[in-house]
Amino acid sequence: MKKFILIVCGIVLALLIWNIAYYRLGIYVDLRPDKPVTSFMKVEGKTILMEQEGGYVPFKIRGVDMGVGIPGKWATDYAIDKEMYLRWFEQIQELGANTIRVYTILQEDFYNAFYEYNKDRAEPLYLIHGVWINDYIFNSHCDAYDEELFGALQKDCQSVVDIIHGKKNLSLGKDTGGGSYRKDISPWVLGYIIGVEWESSLVVYTNQKSEDRNQYLGSYLFTTPEATAFEAMLCETGDRMIEYESRRYKQQRLVAFSNWPTTDPFIYPVTVTRYRNKVACVDVEHIQSNDCFQAGMFASYHVYPYFPDYLEIMREGSLIPEEELENRMSTYVKANLEYRSLRLHAPNIESYLKEEDYYDTQNRYNTYLAYLRALNRYHSCPVVISEYGVTTGRGMAQRDVNTGRNQGHMTEEEQGQALIDCYRDIMEAGCAGSCVFTWQDEWFKRTWNTMHSVDLNNTVYWSDCQTNEQYFGLLSFDPGKEESICYVDGDLSEWKEEDKITTRKGMELSMKYDEKFLYFLIKKEGFQDGDLLCLPIDITPKSGSTYCRNYDISFERPCDFLIVIHGKNDSRVMVQKRYDVLRAIYDGEYYHDDSYANPPEADSPEFVNIYLPLVLSRSIFNPVGTVDFGVKYETGKLRYGNGNPKAEAFDSLADFIFSGDYIEMRIPWQLLNFSNPSDMMIHDDYYECYGIENLHIQGIYVGVGEKDENRHRIPMEYVPMEGWGRKVTYHERLKKSYYMLQDYWTKGEGGSSSGK
């Protein structure tokens, strides 16, 4: 018996060791060393081909990028389940897309769902799989050859290969999903995109620190003599990934390295270098393949129409005398210019552009199209724009000054048209495919011009429409389990008696809120468009004024915000000067003042418009001696329209609407300086805290009134408020942009849904 138990234990131990070696460590014995390597994808010139019925036919990648976020969950929670993925796959294919792109290793539910969705389909969805790098690593002290980056990247490349072939066990990591991956989805995986949007600092640091490591000769990929150390690192990473899949699985697929304009292969005039610090180049033309690599490479770029618009900067900068530009360049920029010119062998973008390249079929001056043409003209391999898109966020961070495809403050209809226009530009430029960014909105995202205003540790618990980065999706997550508690559409049936706050002198005020907005309903008997109504709000106990000098109107309590309703085109939210976050954070850039040395009075009667920064400084374009102010826009201005998605006249950016004697309105939380409404946290006094700190409140005071001859103070009522904590409600809704793009891709000029 003892011998039997020992034998059983030995077998179990052997199986455990084999499982760890095979599924975790990737150790294998090649039992088919002579089996030929195959690839159902390959590249010829600038065309991507797919194997079909014994031959290869052109394949245009028409993809959708897919993130991992849902409301109430962080990306690293990997909370999307199999059923949700299956539903999304069907909607994506019905959109007319043929490809999904993911950025990193996901939990096993994704791969199980992808296998189940495709296994019996004559026309499947395809996948481009990314290999991610922790942004903490490449924003730290590391160069690209540091083991923390280089070693981790190669390990993840091998894991991705094993995962798509269904032969991997992976514990949930810090930045990746985990599970027992047993579904072989390789028949539908087109290729890999290795890396992320590289920071210039990492590229330049690597090239200078490891200058002697600029050459690599592998089994499948090799560098040209012009390559940099960073490019050699990419070459080695890609080569080892191809080698591993070729030897273990006898397969190959397309390979690309992530890139974006910040590290594109071009040299620009000094205006671009000075203004956008364009000092790094990553050029995949310096990475070549031999005949052993059957599949081939493509060039992957993330390109948006609004940022960074180097060509527009070139045009504006051309108005500045060369001598003046030289004087304005820092020593750092000059040094990097010299290094880049001597060592990078980079081409000048102007040699790849003609004047007619700047104009599209609508005869618009279109720098986006011109840039795409230059990219495609330069590369000898297919170019895929693996990210492009615009966002329906209420806030805005960048403007496309030529075609109006901005980063934010676009309606869902405008988003749809912008996506169609971008796709047309991409195809007209001769690219081999593209991927729309992105499938779903993601509440956890942050944006440079609002991230100072919110508690970044709790963004997943509320929908911040001032942060544009959260709204790139074709799929929206709206508050409420099935419907939102309120739609700004003039239909008052959703307002109940318990929502009423105050009734006085022919006026009523009601209020409610959810994970996205504070909603108000104002009733004024005999209301006329053009009447001036004021809604004072007391948010913080630290400051506020009982008098607004701008409108010569008084309140019962010190107010921090004043909502002014004055017709369809002149209504806005204003903030008391002391509580103006733009002044507190960007006083130097926008006011040329040190507000902390001379802070506004706590009871200042001055109320100011609310702005968001767009550009902090454009000093290179200002004539000598002029004041260097940043660019901003008034985000507090309210937009009239119907905010109900079911309405024919739906305007996703609508803030208020009139309905007889009523005004229905919704105000984003962040616009009222809430940093985390799920816990009712607001901004504390900036000048006591020397910046933004959180302050918990249990309620606010609100009122409504109008200026009268007797100068009565507007009375205000206390409204207790409780956050919802971690109990987030939401429902999915396909945006209007989804249906517009679907019509274009499946019925219009976009062609068939197969993309072949």
Foldseek 3Di string as FASTA:
>chain_A
DVVVVVVVVVVVVVVVVCLCVVAAVVDDDQPCQPDAFEEQWAFDWQFIWGDDPRRTDTFFAAAFEAAQFDFLDDSLVSPDALVNLLVLQVLRLLLLGQEYEYADAGAQSNLVSQCVNAVPDPRHRAYEYEHEFDPVVLVDPDACPPCNRLVSQLVRLQVVLCQLQQRHAAPSDPPHYGGRRRGNNVVRYQYYEYYDAHDQVNQVCQQVVPVVQQWDDAPWKTFDPLGGNVLSSVLVSVRSSQVSCCRPVSYAHEYEYEYEPLADQADEPLQCCQAVVSLHHHYCVRMDTDPSHRHYYEYEYADEQWPPLRVVSNVLLVVDDPVVSVVPHDPVSVVSVVCCVVRNPGYHLVVQFDPVQQQDPVRWRGSSLRVLLSVCSPDRYAYEHAEYFEFAFLAFATANVTPGRGNYNDWLVRRLVVVVVSVVSNVVSPHSYYYYPHAEFHQLDADPQCPQLADSVFRSNAHFSNGRNRGRHLKYWAFDQVDDLDWQAQDCPSDDPVQWFDDDDQKTWGWDDARWWIKIKIFHPPDDAQAKKKKFKAQDPQAAAQAAPVQGAGAPDGGAKIWIRGHQFFTFIWGAQQPQQCCLPLVCQAPVDDCLVVPDDRHDNYIGFHKTFHFSWDVSSDPPPDDTHGDIDGSGGAHAFTCDQVDPGHTVRHAWYDHNRMIIGIDTPVVVQARHQLAQWGFDRCNVVVGTDTDHDQWMWMFMDHQDPVNDHTYIGTDGDGHNHSDTHTDMDRGPSSVSSSCCCPPHPVDHSSSD
